[in-house]
Amino acid sequence: MVTVTQESLAEKIKRLESRSSAEYALGLTLNEEYQLAAYRMLLKYLAGHADENRENGNG
């Protein structure tokens, strides 16, 4: 099983964003665009969940 962390998601997002913005790039495939959107949503969710745990004294 793969462990997903905020750091690993940030790296994947950065990699996909750099591929889409490179001068020589043709852009992202449809699959990569969906991956990027999903990674961004998951990162936002994890960040909110971590903040909530801190506010409740759970981490």
C-alpha atoms as a PDB file:
ATOM      1  CA  MET A   1       0.000   0.000   0.000  1.00  0.00           C
ATOM      2  CA  VAL A   2       1.265   3.475  -0.890  1.00  0.00           C
ATOM      3  CA  THR A   3       1.399   6.130   1.808  1.00  0.00           C
ATOM      4  CA  VAL A   4       0.114   9.499   0.632  1.00  0.00           C
ATOM      5  CA  THR A   5       1.374  12.585   2.441  1.00  0.00           C
ATOM      6  CA  GLN A   6       0.932  16.297   1.904  1.00  0.00           C
ATOM      7  CA  GLU A   7       4.555  16.408   0.790  1.00  0.00           C
ATOM      8  CA  SER A   8       4.175  13.613  -1.768  1.00  0.00           C
ATOM      9  CA  LEU A   9       1.042  15.242  -3.181  1.00  0.00           C
ATOM     10  CA  ALA A  10       2.802  18.611  -3.425  1.00  0.00           C
ATOM     11  CA  GLU A  11       5.627  16.949  -5.375  1.00  0.00           C
ATOM     12  CA  LYS A  12       3.197  15.275  -7.789  1.00  0.00           C
ATOM     13  CA  ILE A  13       1.339  18.564  -8.300  1.00  0.00           C
ATOM     14  CA  LYS A  14       4.581  20.416  -8.933  1.00  0.00           C
ATOM     15  CA  ARG A  15       5.702  17.783 -11.453  1.00  0.00           C
ATOM     16  CA  LEU A  16       2.432  17.905 -13.385  1.00  0.00           C
ATOM     17  CA  GLU A  17       2.300  21.715 -13.321  1.00  0.00           C
ATOM     18  CA  SER A  18       5.855  21.942 -14.635  1.00  0.00           C
ATOM     19  CA  ARG A  19       5.014  19.527 -17.460  1.00  0.00           C
ATOM     20  CA  SER A  20       2.002  21.594 -18.462  1.00  0.00           C
ATOM     21  CA  SER A  21       3.842  24.917 -18.422  1.00  0.00           C
ATOM     22  CA  ALA A  22       7.072  23.908 -20.151  1.00  0.00           C
ATOM     23  CA  GLU A  23       7.697  25.780 -23.396  1.00  0.00           C
ATOM     24  CA  TYR A  24       8.157  22.617 -25.439  1.00  0.00           C
ATOM     25  CA  ALA A  25       5.229  20.782 -23.844  1.00  0.00           C
ATOM     26  CA  LEU A  26       2.088  19.913 -25.725  1.00  0.00           C
ATOM     27  CA  GLY A  27       0.123  20.170 -22.512  1.00  0.00           C
ATOM     28  CA  LEU A  28      -1.219  17.526 -20.235  1.00  0.00           C
ATOM     29  CA  THR A  29      -3.252  14.566 -21.356  1.00  0.00           C
ATOM     30  CA  LEU A  30      -6.840  14.425 -20.195  1.00  0.00           C
ATOM     31  CA  ASN A  31      -5.857  11.770 -17.655  1.00  0.00           C
ATOM     32  CA  GLU A  32      -3.069  13.987 -16.289  1.00  0.00           C
ATOM     33  CA  GLU A  33      -5.448  16.950 -16.027  1.00  0.00           C
ATOM     34  CA  TYR A  34      -7.824  14.833 -13.945  1.00  0.00           C
ATOM     35  CA  GLN A  35      -4.924  13.609 -11.808  1.00  0.00           C
ATOM     36  CA  LEU A  36      -3.777  17.180 -11.188  1.00  0.00           C
ATOM     37  CA  ALA A  37      -7.278  18.278 -10.195  1.00  0.00           C
ATOM     38  CA  ALA A  38      -7.680  15.273  -7.884  1.00  0.00           C
ATOM     39  CA  TYR A  39      -4.273  15.826  -6.270  1.00  0.00           C
ATOM     40  CA  ARG A  40      -5.142  19.471  -5.609  1.00  0.00           C
ATOM     41  CA  MET A  41      -8.485  18.520  -4.043  1.00  0.00           C
ATOM     42  CA  LEU A  42      -6.901  15.833  -1.888  1.00  0.00           C
ATOM     43  CA  LEU A  43      -4.130  18.165  -0.754  1.00  0.00           C
ATOM     44  CA  LYS A  44      -6.714  20.781   0.250  1.00  0.00           C
ATOM     45  CA  TYR A  45      -8.679  18.109   2.123  1.00  0.00           C
ATOM     46  CA  LEU A  46      -5.604  16.810   3.958  1.00  0.00           C
ATOM     47  CA  ALA A  47      -4.544  20.342   4.896  1.00  0.00           C
ATOM     48  CA  GLY A  48      -8.011  21.079   6.303  1.00  0.00           C
ATOM     49  CA  HIS A  49      -8.076  17.778   8.175  1.00  0.00           C
ATOM     50  CA  ALA A  50      -4.654  18.483   9.706  1.00  0.00           C
ATOM     51  CA  ASP A  51      -5.790  21.976  10.763  1.00  0.00           C
ATOM     52  CA  GLU A  52      -8.929  20.524  12.325  1.00  0.00           C
ATOM     53  CA  ASN A  53      -6.882  17.980  14.292  1.00  0.00           C
ATOM     54  CA  ARG A  54      -4.587  20.723  15.586  1.00  0.00           C
ATOM     55  CA  GLU A  55      -7.555  22.827  16.688  1.00  0.00           C
ATOM     56  CA  ASN A  56      -9.015  19.844  18.541  1.00  0.00           C
ATOM     57  CA  GLY A  57      -5.688  18.995  20.154  1.00  0.00           C
ATOM     58  CA  ASN A  58      -5.340  15.689  18.311  1.00  0.00           C
ATOM     59  CA  GLY A  59      -2.033  16.252  16.643  1.00  0.00           C
END
